[in-house]
Amino acid sequence: TQAQAALDAHEDQREALARRAAKAQADALDLVAQAAERQSRLEQLGDRRAALAAERSEHQSEIVDLEVRAGELRAQIEAATGELARIQSEREGLQAEGTRLESSLAEIQARQDHLRADQSESERTLERLEARYELLGRMREEGEGLHAGVRAVLQAGSSRRSAPGGALSGILGTVAQLLEVPAEYEVAIEVALGGHLQDVVVDSWADAEKAIAYLQEGERGRATFLPVGTVRPVSRLEVPADESLVGIGADLVRTEKRLALVVEMLLGRTIVAQDLKAARRAFDRLKGGFQIVTLAGEVLRSSGSVTGGRGQRRAQGQILAREREWRGLPDRLAVAKGTVEELRVQVEEASAAEEQARVMRIERTREVMRCLWLFMVGSFRLC
């Protein structure tokens, strides 16, 4: 029984060891399986690691490419931004120039309007002068205001018209036509000459005889003639010292040199005074035949008679004034024609300048629109 007990004890011990061995074997198999699984996992991780490394390398390459592309884009953006700034500056400059052209165009148009107004006024002035010259010329030709005999002789002596009985030669004109008198002395000289204004100056005694015969034949009237070779000058007066005495009448007029004796005969003993008081002071200091004429037209004669006043008919001095106007009209007409032509050229130049300014304004507007379009396109591309 003790042996049985010991045997049972050994059997129990063996079974326990067998169980332990089986469990150890199972644990070993389990460990082997785990080791195999981990080895497989390690292999998978290795593969994954290799794949990730390859992917990482690929991403790194892409990053490099993207960084290069980003650098290129930054450079393009900077270039585009600079170009946009240039376009904007150009547009602003063009707009400023456009504003200046608008202002310049307005100034040109205003100047053109002013020039056109001046041109119209100058043309009207020229027309008035031409009409006046034509009128005065016709009045001179027709002998307006002259005695019938004087008018007939002048018409016969004119080379522009044919007169009945044949033309006369040597007819130089009336005293009024041949004298040039300053405007301030016209009244005094016209009063001093009186009827002598219509005296006809001729070259010679023969010319006077022929003219008188011409008037007698046709009963055309009477006239007084002054043959240049026959008239005798009078002894000249000595002007008393007085600031109010202007001078000898003959010295205050202008004419042809060959007519000097005629002028001396007519006005050599005529003194022009500023007023009647000055004439009276000079009267007592003069001798012989003379006359003193004031600027206003009063006359104090050597006989002591004095004439003055003002009538309601034509003003004194008009005959000489009309002759002065007629002589001066050619120069005034030449100036007026020159002014009209000058203004015509200036108007044409202003019109050309206006057209040029308009063309430049259109071109600048187109340039501004082009810059605006480029600016919009560039901004869109940047966006």
Protein backbone atom coordinates (compact mmCIF):
# COMPACT_ATOMS: atom_id res chain seq x y z
CA THR A 1 0.00 0.00 0.00
CA GLN A 2 2.82 2.30 0.63
CA ALA A 3 4.24 1.28 -2.67
CA GLN A 4 0.89 1.87 -4.28
CA ALA A 5 0.73 5.17 -2.68
CA ALA A 6 4.21 6.00 -3.83
CA LEU A 7 3.29 4.75 -7.29
CA ASP A 8 0.23 6.86 -7.37
CA ALA A 9 2.27 9.73 -6.20
CA HIS A 10 4.74 9.14 -9.02
CA GLU A 11 1.90 8.83 -11.51
CA ASP A 12 0.41 12.06 -10.37
CA GLN A 13 3.76 13.64 -10.57
CA ARG A 14 4.27 12.29 -14.09
CA GLU A 15 0.91 13.46 -15.25
CA ALA A 16 1.64 16.83 -13.81
CA LEU A 17 4.93 16.92 -15.63
CA ALA A 18 3.23 15.67 -18.81
CA ARG A 19 0.69 18.44 -18.50
CA ARG A 20 3.43 20.88 -17.91
CA ALA A 21 5.38 19.56 -20.88
CA ALA A 22 2.25 19.76 -23.09
CA LYS A 23 1.60 23.27 -21.93
CA ALA A 24 5.23 24.19 -22.49
CA GLN A 25 5.04 22.70 -25.95
CA ALA A 26 1.84 24.58 -26.66
CA ASP A 27 3.44 27.76 -25.36
CA ALA A 28 6.49 27.11 -27.56
CA LEU A 29 4.26 26.59 -30.61
CA ASP A 30 2.40 29.73 -29.76
CA LEU A 31 5.68 31.61 -29.44
CA VAL A 32 6.83 30.19 -32.78
CA ALA A 33 3.59 31.32 -34.36
CA GLN A 34 3.96 34.77 -32.80
CA ALA A 35 7.53 34.93 -33.96
CA ALA A 36 6.49 33.99 -37.49
CA GLU A 37 3.70 36.56 -37.38
CA ARG A 38 6.06 39.25 -36.14
CA GLN A 39 8.57 38.27 -38.75
CA SER A 40 5.88 38.66 -41.37
CA ARG A 41 4.89 41.97 -39.84
CA LEU A 42 8.49 43.06 -39.86
CA GLU A 43 8.74 42.11 -43.50
CA GLN A 44 5.54 44.07 -44.25
CA LEU A 45 6.84 47.02 -42.32
CA GLY A 46 10.06 46.83 -44.24
CA ASP A 47 8.16 46.85 -47.50
CA ARG A 48 6.02 49.75 -46.27
CA ARG A 49 9.10 51.55 -45.14
CA ALA A 50 10.69 51.13 -48.56
CA ALA A 51 7.47 52.30 -50.23
CA LEU A 52 7.29 55.30 -47.91
CA ALA A 53 10.92 56.09 -48.58
CA ALA A 54 10.27 55.95 -52.32
CA GLU A 55 7.14 58.09 -51.89
CA ARG A 56 9.10 60.51 -49.70
CA SER A 57 11.79 60.79 -52.33
CA GLU A 58 9.14 61.40 -54.99
CA HIS A 59 7.47 64.08 -52.84
CA GLN A 60 10.81 65.72 -52.19
CA SER A 61 11.40 65.88 -55.94
CA GLU A 62 7.94 67.36 -56.45
CA ILE A 63 8.62 69.89 -53.69
CA VAL A 64 11.79 70.96 -55.45
CA ASP A 65 9.88 71.31 -58.73
CA LEU A 66 7.14 73.28 -57.00
CA GLU A 67 9.67 75.57 -55.35
CA VAL A 68 11.26 76.21 -58.75
CA ARG A 69 7.81 76.87 -60.24
CA ALA A 70 6.93 79.13 -57.31
CA GLY A 71 10.13 81.11 -57.91
CA GLU A 72 9.25 81.45 -61.57
CA LEU A 73 5.71 82.57 -60.69
CA ARG A 74 7.04 85.10 -58.20
CA ALA A 75 9.33 86.49 -60.88
CA GLN A 76 6.40 86.63 -63.32
CA ILE A 77 4.22 88.33 -60.70
CA GLU A 78 6.94 90.89 -60.00
CA ALA A 79 7.39 91.49 -63.74
CA ALA A 80 3.61 91.73 -64.25
CA THR A 81 3.29 94.10 -61.29
CA GLY A 82 6.05 96.30 -62.70
CA GLU A 83 4.42 96.24 -66.13
CA LEU A 84 1.06 97.15 -64.58
CA ALA A 85 2.71 100.03 -62.74
CA ARG A 86 4.31 101.20 -65.99
CA ILE A 87 0.99 100.93 -67.85
CA GLN A 88 -0.77 102.80 -65.05
CA SER A 89 1.87 105.52 -65.13
CA GLU A 90 1.63 105.73 -68.90
CA ARG A 91 -2.16 105.94 -68.69
CA GLU A 92 -1.99 108.72 -66.10
CA GLY A 93 0.52 110.57 -68.28
CA LEU A 94 -1.72 110.16 -71.31
CA GLN A 95 -4.74 111.34 -69.33
CA ALA A 96 -2.80 114.41 -68.16
CA GLU A 97 -1.72 115.10 -71.72
CA GLY A 98 -5.32 114.61 -72.83
CA THR A 99 -6.44 117.21 -70.29
CA ARG A 100 -3.74 119.56 -71.53
CA LEU A 101 -4.85 118.97 -75.12
CA GLU A 102 -8.45 119.70 -74.14
CA SER A 103 -7.36 122.98 -72.57
CA SER A 104 -5.16 123.79 -75.55
CA LEU A 105 -8.01 122.98 -77.92
CA ALA A 106 -10.34 125.29 -75.99
CA GLU A 107 -7.74 128.06 -76.14
CA ILE A 108 -7.25 127.50 -79.87
CA GLN A 109 -11.02 127.60 -80.46
CA ALA A 110 -11.33 130.79 -78.40
CA ARG A 111 -8.44 132.37 -80.32
CA GLN A 112 -9.98 131.22 -83.59
CA ASP A 113 -13.32 132.80 -82.65
CA HIS A 114 -11.50 136.00 -81.72
CA LEU A 115 -9.56 135.96 -84.99
CA ARG A 116 -12.72 135.33 -87.00
CA ALA A 117 -14.39 138.27 -85.27
CA ASP A 118 -11.35 140.44 -85.99
CA GLN A 119 -11.33 139.17 -89.57
CA SER A 120 -15.00 140.06 -90.04
CA GLU A 121 -14.46 143.49 -88.53
CA SER A 122 -11.36 144.05 -90.71
CA GLU A 123 -13.29 143.00 -93.82
CA ARG A 124 -16.09 145.40 -92.92
CA THR A 125 -13.52 148.16 -92.35
CA LEU A 126 -11.93 147.38 -95.72
CA GLU A 127 -15.33 147.49 -97.40
CA ARG A 128 -16.10 150.84 -95.78
CA LEU A 129 -12.72 152.26 -96.85
CA GLU A 130 -13.15 150.96 -100.41
CA ALA A 131 -16.62 152.42 -100.58
CA ARG A 132 -15.37 155.72 -99.19
CA TYR A 133 -12.44 155.82 -101.60
CA GLU A 134 -14.71 155.04 -104.51
CA LEU A 135 -17.13 157.75 -103.40
CA LEU A 136 -14.42 160.39 -102.96
CA GLY A 137 -12.82 159.38 -106.24
CA ARG A 138 -16.15 159.70 -108.02
CA MET A 139 -16.78 163.07 -106.36
CA ARG A 140 -13.34 164.29 -107.48
CA GLU A 141 -13.87 162.94 -110.97
CA GLU A 142 -17.31 164.49 -111.26
CA GLY A 143 -16.16 167.75 -109.67
CA GLU A 144 -18.58 167.62 -106.78
CA GLY A 145 -18.90 171.09 -105.18
CA LEU A 146 -16.84 172.80 -107.88
CA HIS A 147 -17.91 175.66 -110.11
CA ALA A 148 -19.12 174.56 -113.52
CA GLY A 149 -16.12 176.01 -115.36
CA VAL A 150 -13.63 174.40 -112.95
CA ARG A 151 -15.41 171.07 -113.25
CA ALA A 152 -15.43 171.26 -117.06
CA VAL A 153 -11.69 172.04 -117.22
CA LEU A 154 -10.78 169.20 -114.83
CA GLN A 155 -12.89 166.72 -116.75
CA ALA A 156 -11.35 167.84 -120.03
CA GLY A 157 -7.88 167.59 -118.57
CA SER A 158 -8.41 164.14 -117.12
CA SER A 159 -6.85 161.32 -119.11
CA ARG A 160 -9.53 158.95 -117.81
CA ARG A 161 -12.42 160.74 -119.53
CA SER A 162 -12.98 162.22 -122.95
CA ALA A 163 -14.55 165.67 -123.04
CA PRO A 164 -16.44 167.40 -125.90
CA GLY A 165 -14.11 169.55 -127.94
CA GLY A 166 -11.01 167.55 -127.12
CA ALA A 167 -8.92 167.02 -123.98
CA LEU A 168 -6.88 169.76 -122.37
CA SER A 169 -3.21 169.41 -121.47
CA GLY A 170 -1.17 170.80 -118.61
CA ILE A 171 -4.08 170.75 -116.12
CA LEU A 172 -2.48 169.95 -112.75
CA GLY A 173 -5.57 170.31 -110.56
CA THR A 174 -7.19 172.74 -108.17
CA VAL A 175 -5.29 174.37 -105.34
CA ALA A 176 -7.30 172.28 -102.88
CA GLN A 177 -6.24 169.09 -104.68
CA LEU A 178 -2.55 170.01 -104.80
CA LEU A 179 -2.00 171.15 -101.21
CA GLU A 180 -1.32 168.83 -98.29
CA VAL A 181 -2.44 170.54 -95.10
CA PRO A 182 -2.07 169.13 -91.57
CA ALA A 183 -5.45 168.50 -89.99
CA GLU A 184 -4.95 171.10 -87.24
CA TYR A 185 -4.46 173.85 -89.85
CA GLU A 186 -7.15 172.87 -92.35
CA VAL A 187 -9.78 175.35 -91.11
CA ALA A 188 -7.32 178.26 -91.07
CA ILE A 189 -5.82 177.51 -94.50
CA GLU A 190 -9.21 176.88 -96.11
CA VAL A 191 -10.52 180.19 -94.80
CA ALA A 192 -7.33 181.97 -95.87
CA LEU A 193 -7.55 180.64 -99.42
CA GLY A 194 -11.29 181.13 -99.74
CA GLY A 195 -12.25 181.09 -103.44
CA HIS A 196 -8.65 180.35 -104.42
CA LEU A 197 -9.26 176.73 -103.36
CA GLN A 198 -10.91 176.27 -106.78
CA ASP A 199 -8.18 178.05 -108.73
CA VAL A 200 -6.85 175.70 -111.41
CA VAL A 201 -3.08 175.28 -111.51
CA VAL A 202 -1.71 174.70 -115.04
CA ASP A 203 1.78 174.17 -116.41
CA SER A 204 1.99 177.23 -118.67
CA TRP A 205 0.30 180.36 -119.93
CA ALA A 206 -0.55 178.52 -123.16
CA ASP A 207 -2.37 175.85 -121.19
CA ALA A 208 -4.39 178.57 -119.44
CA GLU A 209 -5.28 180.23 -122.75
CA LYS A 210 -6.38 176.94 -124.25
CA ALA A 211 -8.51 176.15 -121.21
CA ILE A 212 -10.17 179.58 -121.28
CA ALA A 213 -10.92 179.14 -124.98
CA TYR A 214 -12.40 175.74 -124.23
CA LEU A 215 -14.73 177.28 -121.65
CA GLN A 216 -15.72 180.13 -123.99
CA GLU A 217 -16.46 177.87 -126.95
CA GLY A 218 -18.98 175.76 -125.13
CA GLU A 219 -20.13 178.41 -122.64
CA ARG A 220 -19.06 175.97 -119.96
CA GLY A 221 -18.45 178.52 -117.23
CA ARG A 222 -15.57 180.46 -115.79
CA ALA A 223 -12.43 179.50 -113.90
CA THR A 224 -9.31 181.16 -112.49
CA PHE A 225 -6.00 179.73 -113.68
CA LEU A 226 -2.56 179.83 -112.05
CA PRO A 227 0.14 179.13 -114.68
CA VAL A 228 3.21 177.82 -112.88
CA GLY A 229 5.56 179.77 -115.15
CA THR A 230 3.69 183.04 -114.84
CA VAL A 231 2.67 183.55 -111.20
CA ARG A 232 4.73 186.07 -109.23
CA PRO A 233 5.46 185.53 -105.54
CA VAL A 234 4.65 188.30 -103.11
CA SER A 235 7.08 189.71 -100.58
CA ARG A 236 6.92 187.49 -97.52
CA LEU A 237 5.74 188.82 -94.20
CA GLU A 238 7.97 188.79 -91.18
CA VAL A 239 6.18 187.09 -88.31
CA PRO A 240 6.29 189.18 -85.10
CA ALA A 241 7.74 187.43 -82.06
CA ASP A 242 4.70 185.96 -80.34
CA GLU A 243 4.23 182.40 -79.10
CA SER A 244 0.57 182.58 -80.09
CA LEU A 245 1.44 183.07 -83.77
CA VAL A 246 1.78 179.69 -85.52
CA GLY A 247 3.58 180.93 -88.63
CA ILE A 248 3.31 181.89 -92.28
CA GLY A 249 0.59 179.95 -94.11
CA ALA A 250 2.97 178.98 -96.93
CA ASP A 251 5.23 177.25 -94.43
CA LEU A 252 2.40 175.20 -92.94
CA VAL A 253 1.43 173.33 -96.12
CA ARG A 254 3.20 170.81 -98.36
CA THR A 255 3.12 170.46 -102.15
CA GLU A 256 5.35 169.66 -105.12
CA LYS A 257 8.58 171.64 -105.25
CA ARG A 258 7.70 173.17 -108.64
CA LEU A 259 4.52 174.64 -107.11
CA ALA A 260 6.39 176.55 -104.39
CA LEU A 261 5.86 179.92 -106.10
CA VAL A 262 2.12 179.26 -106.37
CA VAL A 263 1.92 178.50 -102.65
CA GLU A 264 4.05 181.53 -101.81
CA MET A 265 1.80 183.78 -103.92
CA LEU A 266 -1.34 182.45 -102.22
CA LEU A 267 -0.17 182.16 -98.61
CA GLY A 268 3.10 184.13 -98.35
CA ARG A 269 1.37 187.08 -96.71
CA THR A 270 -0.97 185.05 -94.51
CA ILE A 271 -0.20 184.49 -90.85
CA VAL A 272 -1.91 181.76 -88.84
CA ALA A 273 -2.61 182.67 -85.22
CA GLN A 274 -3.92 180.58 -82.38
CA ASP A 275 -6.81 182.93 -81.58
CA LEU A 276 -8.29 186.31 -82.35
CA LYS A 277 -6.49 188.03 -79.45
CA ALA A 278 -3.13 186.96 -80.88
CA ALA A 279 -4.24 188.21 -84.31
CA ARG A 280 -5.12 191.60 -82.86
CA ARG A 281 -1.74 191.89 -81.14
CA ALA A 282 0.07 191.13 -84.40
CA PHE A 283 -2.11 193.48 -86.46
CA ASP A 284 -0.44 196.68 -85.26
CA ARG A 285 3.03 195.27 -85.99
CA LEU A 286 2.45 194.38 -89.66
CA LYS A 287 2.61 196.59 -92.78
CA GLY A 288 1.32 196.29 -96.30
CA GLY A 289 -1.35 193.90 -97.47
CA PHE A 290 -1.82 190.83 -95.30
CA GLN A 291 -4.35 188.69 -93.51
CA ILE A 292 -4.23 186.94 -90.18
CA VAL A 293 -6.27 183.74 -89.85
CA THR A 294 -6.98 181.97 -86.58
CA LEU A 295 -7.14 178.23 -86.06
CA ALA A 296 -10.90 178.62 -85.51
CA GLY A 297 -11.36 180.40 -88.86
CA GLU A 298 -11.59 184.08 -87.98
CA VAL A 299 -9.90 186.47 -90.44
CA LEU A 300 -8.33 189.85 -89.66
CA ARG A 301 -7.36 191.70 -92.85
CA SER A 302 -4.86 194.50 -93.33
CA SER A 303 -7.79 196.81 -94.03
CA GLY A 304 -8.89 196.30 -90.44
CA SER A 305 -11.96 194.22 -91.25
CA VAL A 306 -12.51 191.08 -89.25
CA THR A 307 -14.68 188.10 -90.17
CA GLY A 308 -15.84 185.34 -87.83
CA GLY A 309 -18.74 183.30 -86.57
CA ARG A 310 -20.23 179.96 -87.54
CA GLY A 311 -22.99 179.15 -90.00
CA GLN A 312 -25.45 176.26 -90.15
CA ARG A 313 -24.18 174.99 -93.48
CA ARG A 314 -21.08 172.86 -94.00
CA ALA A 315 -18.27 173.23 -91.52
CA GLN A 316 -15.11 175.08 -92.53
CA GLY A 317 -12.14 172.95 -93.46
CA GLN A 318 -14.13 170.16 -95.07
CA ILE A 319 -12.73 170.66 -98.57
CA LEU A 320 -9.12 170.25 -97.49
CA ALA A 321 -10.10 167.51 -95.04
CA ARG A 322 -11.78 165.60 -97.84
CA GLU A 323 -8.68 165.95 -100.02
CA ARG A 324 -6.49 164.81 -97.13
CA GLU A 325 -8.75 161.85 -96.55
CA TRP A 326 -8.69 160.92 -100.25
CA ARG A 327 -4.88 161.10 -100.38
CA GLY A 328 -4.56 159.03 -97.22
CA LEU A 329 -7.05 156.36 -98.21
CA PRO A 330 -4.66 154.34 -100.46
CA ASP A 331 -2.29 153.83 -97.54
CA ARG A 332 -5.19 153.02 -95.22
CA LEU A 333 -6.56 150.61 -97.80
CA ALA A 334 -3.17 148.94 -98.13
CA VAL A 335 -2.96 148.57 -94.35
CA ALA A 336 -6.54 147.26 -94.19
CA LYS A 337 -5.88 144.75 -96.97
CA GLY A 338 -2.70 143.66 -95.25
CA THR A 339 -4.61 143.25 -91.98
CA VAL A 340 -7.34 141.23 -93.69
CA GLU A 341 -4.76 139.00 -95.37
CA GLU A 342 -2.78 138.60 -92.14
CA LEU A 343 -5.92 137.66 -90.24
CA ARG A 344 -6.92 135.25 -93.01
CA VAL A 345 -3.55 133.50 -92.67
CA GLN A 346 -3.87 133.48 -88.86
CA VAL A 347 -7.39 132.01 -89.10
CA GLU A 348 -6.12 129.29 -91.46
CA GLU A 349 -3.22 128.56 -89.11
CA ALA A 350 -5.60 128.46 -86.14
CA SER A 351 -7.90 126.09 -88.05
CA ALA A 352 -4.95 123.84 -88.87
CA ALA A 353 -3.82 123.96 -85.23
CA GLU A 354 -7.34 123.09 -84.10
CA GLU A 355 -7.51 120.14 -86.47
CA GLN A 356 -4.08 118.95 -85.32
CA ALA A 357 -5.16 119.27 -81.68
CA ARG A 358 -8.32 117.27 -82.41
CA VAL A 359 -6.30 114.51 -84.09
CA MET A 360 -3.84 114.42 -81.19
CA ARG A 361 -6.70 114.30 -78.70
CA ILE A 362 -8.25 111.31 -80.54
CA GLU A 363 -4.87 109.56 -80.64
CA ARG A 364 -4.30 110.16 -76.92
CA THR A 365 -7.80 108.89 -76.14
CA ARG A 366 -7.05 105.71 -78.06
CA GLU A 367 -3.77 105.33 -76.20
CA VAL A 368 -5.55 105.77 -72.87
CA MET A 369 -8.11 103.10 -73.83
CA ARG A 370 -5.30 100.77 -74.91
CA CYS A 371 -3.49 101.27 -71.60
CA LEU A 372 -6.73 100.72 -69.71
CA TRP A 373 -7.36 97.48 -71.60
CA LEU A 374 -3.79 96.28 -70.96
CA PHE A 375 -4.15 97.18 -67.28
CA MET A 376 -7.39 95.20 -66.98
CA VAL A 377 -5.93 92.19 -68.78
CA GLY A 378 -2.79 92.31 -66.63
CA SER A 379 -4.87 92.56 -63.43
CA PHE A 380 -7.01 89.62 -64.52
CA ARG A 381 -3.92 87.50 -65.17
CA LEU A 382 -2.50 88.34 -61.78
CA CYS A 383 -5.74 87.24 -60.17
